[in-house]
All heavy atoms as atom14 arrays in JSON, in Angstrom:
{
  "sequence": "NELIAEVLSRAGHDPVLFERGEAALRDLRRQTFDLLLLDW",
  "atom14_mask": [
    [1, 1, 1, 1, 1, 1, 1, 1, 0, 0, 0, 0, 0, 0],
    [1, 1, 1, 1, 1, 1, 1, 1, 1, 0, 0, 0, 0, 0],
    [1, 1, 1, 1, 1, 1, 1, 1, 0, 0, 0, 0, 0, 0],
    [1, 1, 1, 1, 1, 1, 1, 1, 0, 0, 0, 0, 0, 0],
    [1, 1, 1, 1, 1, 0, 0, 0, 0, 0, 0, 0, 0, 0],
    [1, 1, 1, 1, 1, 1, 1, 1, 1, 0, 0, 0, 0, 0],
    [1, 1, 1, 1, 1, 1, 1, 0, 0, 0, 0, 0, 0, 0],
    [1, 1, 1, 1, 1, 1, 1, 1, 0, 0, 0, 0, 0, 0],
    [1, 1, 1, 1, 1, 1, 0, 0, 0, 0, 0, 0, 0, 0],
    [1, 1, 1, 1, 1, 1, 1, 1, 1, 1, 1, 0, 0, 0],
    [1, 1, 1, 1, 1, 0, 0, 0, 0, 0, 0, 0, 0, 0],
    [1, 1, 1, 1, 0, 0, 0, 0, 0, 0, 0, 0, 0, 0],
    [1, 1, 1, 1, 1, 1, 1, 1, 1, 1, 0, 0, 0, 0],
    [1, 1, 1, 1, 1, 1, 1, 1, 0, 0, 0, 0, 0, 0],
    [1, 1, 1, 1, 1, 1, 1, 0, 0, 0, 0, 0, 0, 0],
    [1, 1, 1, 1, 1, 1, 1, 0, 0, 0, 0, 0, 0, 0],
    [1, 1, 1, 1, 1, 1, 1, 1, 0, 0, 0, 0, 0, 0],
    [1, 1, 1, 1, 1, 1, 1, 1, 1, 1, 1, 0, 0, 0],
    [1, 1, 1, 1, 1, 1, 1, 1, 1, 0, 0, 0, 0, 0],
    [1, 1, 1, 1, 1, 1, 1, 1, 1, 1, 1, 0, 0, 0],
    [1, 1, 1, 1, 0, 0, 0, 0, 0, 0, 0, 0, 0, 0],
    [1, 1, 1, 1, 1, 1, 1, 1, 1, 0, 0, 0, 0, 0],
    [1, 1, 1, 1, 1, 0, 0, 0, 0, 0, 0, 0, 0, 0],
    [1, 1, 1, 1, 1, 0, 0, 0, 0, 0, 0, 0, 0, 0],
    [1, 1, 1, 1, 1, 1, 1, 1, 0, 0, 0, 0, 0, 0],
    [1, 1, 1, 1, 1, 1, 1, 1, 1, 1, 1, 0, 0, 0],
    [1, 1, 1, 1, 1, 1, 1, 1, 0, 0, 0, 0, 0, 0],
    [1, 1, 1, 1, 1, 1, 1, 1, 0, 0, 0, 0, 0, 0],
    [1, 1, 1, 1, 1, 1, 1, 1, 1, 1, 1, 0, 0, 0],
    [1, 1, 1, 1, 1, 1, 1, 1, 1, 1, 1, 0, 0, 0],
    [1, 1, 1, 1, 1, 1, 1, 1, 1, 0, 0, 0, 0, 0],
    [1, 1, 1, 1, 1, 1, 1, 0, 0, 0, 0, 0, 0, 0],
    [1, 1, 1, 1, 1, 1, 1, 1, 1, 1, 1, 0, 0, 0],
    [1, 1, 1, 1, 1, 1, 1, 1, 0, 0, 0, 0, 0, 0],
    [1, 1, 1, 1, 1, 1, 1, 1, 0, 0, 0, 0, 0, 0],
    [1, 1, 1, 1, 1, 1, 1, 1, 0, 0, 0, 0, 0, 0],
    [1, 1, 1, 1, 1, 1, 1, 1, 0, 0, 0, 0, 0, 0],
    [1, 1, 1, 1, 1, 1, 1, 1, 0, 0, 0, 0, 0, 0],
    [1, 1, 1, 1, 1, 1, 1, 1, 0, 0, 0, 0, 0, 0],
    [1, 1, 1, 1, 1, 1, 1, 1, 1, 1, 1, 1, 1, 1]
  ],
  "atom14_positions": [
    [[0.83, -1.23, 0.05], [0.05, 0.08, -0.04], [0.85, 1.3, 0.01], [0.6, 2.2, -0.78], [-0.92, -0.02, 1.24], [-2.3, -0.54, 0.89], [-2.65, -0.67, -0.29], [-3.14, -0.77, 1.92], [0.0, 0.0, 0.0], [0.0, 0.0, 0.0], [0.0, 0.0, 0.0], [0.0, 0.0, 0.0], [0.0, 0.0, 0.0], [0.0, 0.0, 0.0]],
    [[1.86, 1.28, 0.82], [2.73, 2.48, 0.92], [3.55, 2.7, -0.38], [3.63, 3.78, -0.81], [3.62, 2.31, 2.15], [2.95, 2.36, 3.5], [2.15, 3.67, 3.64], [2.66, 4.78, 3.21], [1.11, 3.7, 4.27], [0.0, 0.0, 0.0], [0.0, 0.0, 0.0], [0.0, 0.0, 0.0], [0.0, 0.0, 0.0], [0.0, 0.0, 0.0]],
    [[3.99, 1.6, -0.94], [4.73, 1.73, -2.24], [3.84, 2.26, -3.27], [4.24, 3.19, -4.05], [5.28, 0.38, -2.64], [5.88, 0.32, -4.03], [7.12, 1.22, -4.15], [6.3, -1.16, -4.42], [0.0, 0.0, 0.0], [0.0, 0.0, 0.0], [0.0, 0.0, 0.0], [0.0, 0.0, 0.0], [0.0, 0.0, 0.0], [0.0, 0.0, 0.0]],
    [[2.61, 1.77, -3.41], [1.72, 2.21, -4.41], [1.29, 3.68, -4.15], [1.25, 4.47, -5.08], [0.41, 1.34, -4.41], [0.81, -0.04, -4.86], [-0.64, 1.94, -5.29], [-0.38, -1.11, -4.7], [0.0, 0.0, 0.0], [0.0, 0.0, 0.0], [0.0, 0.0, 0.0], [0.0, 0.0, 0.0], [0.0, 0.0, 0.0], [0.0, 0.0, 0.0]],
    [[1.11, 4.04, -2.9], [0.68, 5.45, -2.54], [1.83, 6.41, -2.95], [1.59, 7.45, -3.38], [0.44, 5.5, -1.02], [0.0, 0.0, 0.0], [0.0, 0.0, 0.0], [0.0, 0.0, 0.0], [0.0, 0.0, 0.0], [0.0, 0.0, 0.0], [0.0, 0.0, 0.0], [0.0, 0.0, 0.0], [0.0, 0.0, 0.0], [0.0, 0.0, 0.0]],
    [[3.11, 5.89, -2.74], [4.21, 6.77, -3.14], [4.27, 7.05, -4.59], [4.51, 8.16, -5.05], [5.54, 6.14, -2.58], [6.77, 6.9, -2.98], [8.02, 6.25, -2.51], [7.94, 5.35, -1.71], [9.15, 6.65, -3.01], [0.0, 0.0, 0.0], [0.0, 0.0, 0.0], [0.0, 0.0, 0.0], [0.0, 0.0, 0.0], [0.0, 0.0, 0.0]],
    [[4.02, 5.94, -5.38], [4.01, 6.09, -6.79], [2.9, 7.0, -7.29], [3.07, 7.96, -8.16], [3.87, 4.73, -7.51], [3.61, 4.85, -9.04], [5.04, 3.85, -7.19], [0.0, 0.0, 0.0], [0.0, 0.0, 0.0], [0.0, 0.0, 0.0], [0.0, 0.0, 0.0], [0.0, 0.0, 0.0], [0.0, 0.0, 0.0], [0.0, 0.0, 0.0]],
    [[1.72, 6.88, -6.71], [0.56, 7.64, -7.14], [0.68, 9.13, -6.67], [0.37, 10.04, -7.51], [-0.67, 7.13, -6.46], [-1.14, 5.69, -6.99], [-2.35, 5.21, -6.27], [-1.38, 5.62, -8.53], [0.0, 0.0, 0.0], [0.0, 0.0, 0.0], [0.0, 0.0, 0.0], [0.0, 0.0, 0.0], [0.0, 0.0, 0.0], [0.0, 0.0, 0.0]],
    [[1.17, 9.3, -5.54], [1.37, 10.74, -5.09], [2.39, 11.43, -5.94], [2.26, 12.6, -6.27], [1.86, 10.72, -3.61], [0.87, 10.16, -2.79], [0.0, 0.0, 0.0], [0.0, 0.0, 0.0], [0.0, 0.0, 0.0], [0.0, 0.0, 0.0], [0.0, 0.0, 0.0], [0.0, 0.0, 0.0], [0.0, 0.0, 0.0], [0.0, 0.0, 0.0]],
    [[3.49, 10.73, -6.31], [4.5, 11.32, -7.08], [3.94, 11.72, -8.52], [4.42, 12.73, -9.1], [5.69, 10.37, -7.28], [6.95, 10.94, -7.96], [8.09, 9.97, -7.89], [7.85, 8.77, -8.5], [7.93, 7.58, -7.83], [8.29, 7.55, -6.55], [7.67, 6.46, -8.47], [0.0, 0.0, 0.0], [0.0, 0.0, 0.0], [0.0, 0.0, 0.0]],
    [[2.99, 10.96, -8.87], [2.34, 11.3, -10.27], [1.24, 12.37, -10.19], [0.58, 12.58, -11.16], [1.83, 10.01, -10.88], [0.0, 0.0, 0.0], [0.0, 0.0, 0.0], [0.0, 0.0, 0.0], [0.0, 0.0, 0.0], [0.0, 0.0, 0.0], [0.0, 0.0, 0.0], [0.0, 0.0, 0.0], [0.0, 0.0, 0.0], [0.0, 0.0, 0.0]],
    [[1.0, 12.82, -8.89], [0.1, 13.9, -8.72], [-1.33, 13.47, -8.37], [-2.3, 14.32, -8.39], [0.0, 0.0, 0.0], [0.0, 0.0, 0.0], [0.0, 0.0, 0.0], [0.0, 0.0, 0.0], [0.0, 0.0, 0.0], [0.0, 0.0, 0.0], [0.0, 0.0, 0.0], [0.0, 0.0, 0.0], [0.0, 0.0, 0.0], [0.0, 0.0, 0.0]],
    [[-1.5, 12.2, -8.05], [-2.8, 11.62, -7.68], [-2.98, 11.68, -6.13], [-2.1, 11.92, -5.34], [-3.0, 10.27, -8.19], [-2.79, 10.17, -9.65], [-3.66, 10.82, -10.57], [-1.94, 9.46, -10.43], [-3.31, 10.5, -11.75], [-2.24, 9.75, -11.64], [0.0, 0.0, 0.0], [0.0, 0.0, 0.0], [0.0, 0.0, 0.0], [0.0, 0.0, 0.0]],
    [[-4.23, 11.46, -5.74], [-4.64, 11.48, -4.34], [-5.08, 9.99, -3.91], [-6.23, 9.61, -4.08], [-5.8, 12.43, -4.1], [-6.31, 12.47, -2.68], [-5.55, 12.01, -1.83], [-7.42, 12.89, -2.49], [0.0, 0.0, 0.0], [0.0, 0.0, 0.0], [0.0, 0.0, 0.0], [0.0, 0.0, 0.0], [0.0, 0.0, 0.0], [0.0, 0.0, 0.0]],
    [[-4.12, 9.2, -3.38], [-4.41, 7.87, -3.03], [-5.14, 7.77, -1.63], [-4.79, 8.44, -0.75], [-3.03, 7.16, -2.96], [-2.14, 8.24, -2.63], [-2.65, 9.51, -3.22], [0.0, 0.0, 0.0], [0.0, 0.0, 0.0], [0.0, 0.0, 0.0], [0.0, 0.0, 0.0], [0.0, 0.0, 0.0], [0.0, 0.0, 0.0], [0.0, 0.0, 0.0]],
    [[-6.12, 6.86, -1.57], [-6.77, 6.58, -0.35], [-6.62, 5.04, -0.13], [-6.99, 4.26, -0.94], [-8.29, 6.89, -0.43], [-8.99, 6.59, 0.9], [-8.51, 8.41, -0.75], [0.0, 0.0, 0.0], [0.0, 0.0, 0.0], [0.0, 0.0, 0.0], [0.0, 0.0, 0.0], [0.0, 0.0, 0.0], [0.0, 0.0, 0.0], [0.0, 0.0, 0.0]],
    [[-6.03, 4.67, 1.03], [-5.56, 3.29, 1.2], [-6.57, 2.47, 2.05], [-7.1, 2.98, 3.06], [-4.25, 3.3, 1.89], [-3.11, 4.12, 1.29], [-1.83, 3.98, 2.02], [-2.87, 3.7, -0.19], [0.0, 0.0, 0.0], [0.0, 0.0, 0.0], [0.0, 0.0, 0.0], [0.0, 0.0, 0.0], [0.0, 0.0, 0.0], [0.0, 0.0, 0.0]],
    [[-6.67, 1.27, 1.64], [-7.51, 0.3, 2.37], [-6.86, -1.02, 2.43], [-6.09, -1.4, 1.53], [-8.86, 0.07, 1.67], [-9.77, 1.25, 1.42], [-9.61, 2.01, 0.25], [-10.63, 1.75, 2.33], [-10.38, 3.14, 0.04], [-11.41, 2.87, 2.16], [-11.28, 3.63, 1.09], [0.0, 0.0, 0.0], [0.0, 0.0, 0.0], [0.0, 0.0, 0.0]],
    [[-7.11, -1.78, 3.57], [-6.46, -3.06, 3.71], [-7.52, -4.23, 3.76], [-7.15, -5.38, 3.79], [-5.65, -3.11, 5.0], [-4.43, -2.12, 4.95], [-3.53, -2.26, 6.15], [-3.69, -3.22, 6.95], [-2.66, -1.42, 6.27], [0.0, 0.0, 0.0], [0.0, 0.0, 0.0], [0.0, 0.0, 0.0], [0.0, 0.0, 0.0], [0.0, 0.0, 0.0]],
    [[-8.84, -3.85, 3.76], [-9.85, -4.86, 3.78], [-10.9, -4.49, 2.72], [-11.26, -3.31, 2.64], [-10.47, -5.02, 5.18], [-9.54, -5.61, 6.22], [-9.27, -7.11, 5.88], [-8.51, -7.75, 6.86], [-7.21, -7.77, 6.81], [-6.54, -7.22, 5.88], [-6.5, -8.43, 7.81], [0.0, 0.0, 0.0], [0.0, 0.0, 0.0], [0.0, 0.0, 0.0]],
    [[-11.41, -5.52, 2.02], [-12.46, -5.29, 1.0], [-13.65, -4.58, 1.5], [-14.35, -3.78, 0.91], [0.0, 0.0, 0.0], [0.0, 0.0, 0.0], [0.0, 0.0, 0.0], [0.0, 0.0, 0.0], [0.0, 0.0, 0.0], [0.0, 0.0, 0.0], [0.0, 0.0, 0.0], [0.0, 0.0, 0.0], [0.0, 0.0, 0.0], [0.0, 0.0, 0.0]],
    [[-14.13, -5.08, 2.73], [-15.35, -4.58, 3.33], [-15.25, -3.02, 3.48], [-16.24, -2.31, 3.18], [-15.67, -5.29, 4.55], [-15.98, -6.75, 4.48], [-14.73, -7.6, 4.49], [-13.6, -7.03, 4.43], [-14.77, -8.84, 4.6], [0.0, 0.0, 0.0], [0.0, 0.0, 0.0], [0.0, 0.0, 0.0], [0.0, 0.0, 0.0], [0.0, 0.0, 0.0]],
    [[-14.17, -2.58, 4.01], [-13.97, -1.18, 4.27], [-13.92, -0.35, 2.95], [-14.53, 0.71, 2.87], [-12.66, -0.91, 5.06], [0.0, 0.0, 0.0], [0.0, 0.0, 0.0], [0.0, 0.0, 0.0], [0.0, 0.0, 0.0], [0.0, 0.0, 0.0], [0.0, 0.0, 0.0], [0.0, 0.0, 0.0], [0.0, 0.0, 0.0], [0.0, 0.0, 0.0]],
    [[-13.26, -0.91, 1.99], [-13.21, -0.25, 0.69], [-14.52, -0.09, 0.04], [-14.9, 0.96, -0.47], [-12.22, -0.99, -0.23], [0.0, 0.0, 0.0], [0.0, 0.0, 0.0], [0.0, 0.0, 0.0], [0.0, 0.0, 0.0], [0.0, 0.0, 0.0], [0.0, 0.0, 0.0], [0.0, 0.0, 0.0], [0.0, 0.0, 0.0], [0.0, 0.0, 0.0]],
    [[-15.32, -1.17, 0.06], [-16.65, -1.12, -0.55], [-17.57, -0.13, 0.16], [-18.39, 0.5, -0.46], [-17.26, -2.49, -0.53], [-16.74, -3.48, -1.53], [-17.06, -4.94, -1.25], [-17.07, -3.03, -3.01], [0.0, 0.0, 0.0], [0.0, 0.0, 0.0], [0.0, 0.0, 0.0], [0.0, 0.0, 0.0], [0.0, 0.0, 0.0], [0.0, 0.0, 0.0]],
    [[-17.4, -0.02, 1.51], [-18.29, 0.94, 2.17], [-17.97, 2.39, 1.65], [-18.98, 3.12, 1.41], [-17.98, 0.91, 3.74], [-18.7, -0.17, 4.51], [-18.66, 0.13, 6.0], [-17.27, 0.14, 6.52], [-16.69, -0.92, 6.94], [-17.26, -2.17, 6.93], [-15.43, -0.82, 7.46], [0.0, 0.0, 0.0], [0.0, 0.0, 0.0], [0.0, 0.0, 0.0]],
    [[-16.81, 2.76, 1.49], [-16.45, 4.05, 0.96], [-16.75, 4.16, -0.57], [-17.26, 5.19, -0.96], [-14.92, 4.32, 1.08], [-14.6, 5.09, 2.38], [-15.44, 4.95, 3.33], [-13.62, 5.81, 2.46], [0.0, 0.0, 0.0], [0.0, 0.0, 0.0], [0.0, 0.0, 0.0], [0.0, 0.0, 0.0], [0.0, 0.0, 0.0], [0.0, 0.0, 0.0]],
    [[-16.63, 3.1, -1.28], [-17.0, 3.15, -2.77], [-18.48, 3.34, -2.97], [-18.91, 3.84, -3.95], [-16.48, 1.91, -3.45], [-15.0, 1.77, -3.67], [-14.56, 0.35, -3.88], [-14.59, 2.67, -4.86], [0.0, 0.0, 0.0], [0.0, 0.0, 0.0], [0.0, 0.0, 0.0], [0.0, 0.0, 0.0], [0.0, 0.0, 0.0], [0.0, 0.0, 0.0]],
    [[-19.33, 2.92, -2.01], [-20.77, 3.06, -2.08], [-21.16, 4.49, -1.74], [-22.22, 4.94, -2.17], [-21.48, 2.13, -1.11], [-21.35, 0.66, -1.48], [-22.2, -0.23, -0.64], [-22.08, -1.61, -0.97], [-21.39, -2.5, -0.28], [-20.77, -2.11, 0.83], [-21.28, -3.75, -0.63], [0.0, 0.0, 0.0], [0.0, 0.0, 0.0], [0.0, 0.0, 0.0]],
    [[-20.28, 5.22, -0.94], [-20.59, 6.59, -0.48], [-20.06, 7.7, -1.34], [-20.57, 8.82, -1.34], [-20.15, 6.78, 0.92], [-20.91, 5.93, 2.02], [-20.63, 6.4, 3.41], [-19.22, 6.67, 3.71], [-18.53, 5.78, 4.45], [-19.17, 4.7, 4.88], [-17.28, 5.9, 4.65], [0.0, 0.0, 0.0], [0.0, 0.0, 0.0], [0.0, 0.0, 0.0]],
    [[-18.92, 7.44, -1.99], [-18.28, 8.47, -2.71], [-17.58, 7.99, -3.95], [-17.48, 6.81, -4.24], [-17.21, 9.16, -1.77], [-16.19, 8.21, -1.24], [-15.13, 9.01, -0.34], [-14.53, 9.91, -0.78], [-14.98, 8.47, 0.86], [0.0, 0.0, 0.0], [0.0, 0.0, 0.0], [0.0, 0.0, 0.0], [0.0, 0.0, 0.0], [0.0, 0.0, 0.0]],
    [[-17.22, 8.97, -4.85], [-16.72, 8.67, -6.19], [-15.17, 8.47, -6.11], [-14.53, 9.41, -5.56], [-17.09, 9.7, -7.15], [-18.5, 9.85, -7.27], [-16.53, 9.43, -8.54], [0.0, 0.0, 0.0], [0.0, 0.0, 0.0], [0.0, 0.0, 0.0], [0.0, 0.0, 0.0], [0.0, 0.0, 0.0], [0.0, 0.0, 0.0], [0.0, 0.0, 0.0]],
    [[-14.57, 7.5, -6.66], [-13.22, 7.36, -6.86], [-13.02, 7.26, -8.44], [-13.77, 6.72, -9.19], [-12.6, 6.14, -6.25], [-12.56, 6.24, -4.72], [-13.64, 5.81, -3.94], [-11.36, 6.75, -4.14], [-13.49, 5.99, -2.54], [-11.29, 6.87, -2.75], [-12.4, 6.49, -1.9], [0.0, 0.0, 0.0], [0.0, 0.0, 0.0], [0.0, 0.0, 0.0]],
    [[-11.92, 7.84, -8.86], [-11.58, 7.8, -10.33], [-10.99, 6.46, -10.71], [-11.05, 6.15, -11.92], [-10.67, 8.93, -10.7], [-11.25, 10.25, -10.39], [-12.33, 10.58, -10.94], [-10.7, 11.03, -9.58], [0.0, 0.0, 0.0], [0.0, 0.0, 0.0], [0.0, 0.0, 0.0], [0.0, 0.0, 0.0], [0.0, 0.0, 0.0], [0.0, 0.0, 0.0]],
    [[-10.46, 5.76, -9.87], [-9.76, 4.45, -10.18], [-9.6, 3.64, -8.86], [-9.45, 4.22, -7.82], [-8.36, 4.78, -10.7], [-7.43, 3.56, -11.12], [-8.14, 2.72, -12.28], [-6.1, 4.0, -11.64], [0.0, 0.0, 0.0], [0.0, 0.0, 0.0], [0.0, 0.0, 0.0], [0.0, 0.0, 0.0], [0.0, 0.0, 0.0], [0.0, 0.0, 0.0]],
    [[-9.72, 2.34, -9.05], [-9.4, 1.4, -7.91], [-8.29, 0.44, -8.33], [-8.24, -0.18, -9.39], [-10.68, 0.53, -7.64], [-10.49, -0.68, -6.7], [-10.08, -0.19, -5.3], [-11.74, -1.48, -6.58], [0.0, 0.0, 0.0], [0.0, 0.0, 0.0], [0.0, 0.0, 0.0], [0.0, 0.0, 0.0], [0.0, 0.0, 0.0], [0.0, 0.0, 0.0]],
    [[-7.22, 0.48, -7.52], [-6.15, -0.51, -7.6], [-6.39, -1.59, -6.65], [-6.48, -1.44, -5.44], [-4.77, 0.21, -7.3], [-4.04, 0.85, -8.44], [-4.92, 1.89, -9.15], [-2.73, 1.44, -8.07], [0.0, 0.0, 0.0], [0.0, 0.0, 0.0], [0.0, 0.0, 0.0], [0.0, 0.0, 0.0], [0.0, 0.0, 0.0], [0.0, 0.0, 0.0]],
    [[-6.61, -2.76, -7.14], [-7.18, -3.86, -6.42], [-6.29, -5.09, -6.43], [-5.89, -5.63, -7.45], [-8.53, -4.28, -7.03], [-9.23, -5.47, -6.52], [-9.65, -5.28, -5.02], [-10.49, -5.79, -7.31], [0.0, 0.0, 0.0], [0.0, 0.0, 0.0], [0.0, 0.0, 0.0], [0.0, 0.0, 0.0], [0.0, 0.0, 0.0], [0.0, 0.0, 0.0]],
    [[-5.83, -5.5, -5.16], [-5.13, -6.75, -5.0], [-6.12, -7.93, -5.13], [-7.22, -7.9, -4.76], [-4.45, -6.81, -3.55], [-3.5, -7.91, -3.43], [-2.94, -8.52, -4.43], [-3.25, -8.38, -2.29], [0.0, 0.0, 0.0], [0.0, 0.0, 0.0], [0.0, 0.0, 0.0], [0.0, 0.0, 0.0], [0.0, 0.0, 0.0], [0.0, 0.0, 0.0]],
    [[-5.57, -9.02, -5.71], [-6.39, -10.25, -5.95], [-6.46, -11.05, -4.64], [-7.52, -11.32, -4.2], [-5.8, -11.02, -7.11], [-6.68, -12.29, -7.51], [-7.32, -13.06, -6.64], [-6.86, -12.75, -8.85], [-7.98, -13.99, -7.39], [-7.73, -13.91, -8.74], [-6.38, -12.33, -10.08], [-8.04, -14.64, -9.83], [-6.72, -13.1, -11.18], [-7.58, -14.22, -11.04]]
  ]
}
């Protein structure tokens, strides 16, 4: 997560980090994200 956040921030993006699918889906239902980077 930290490595990905560093890459995204350096490219000028605003990363929001999650470690559990349930937490990510709660936020995705409430607000708009432009992209999801998803571990399998």
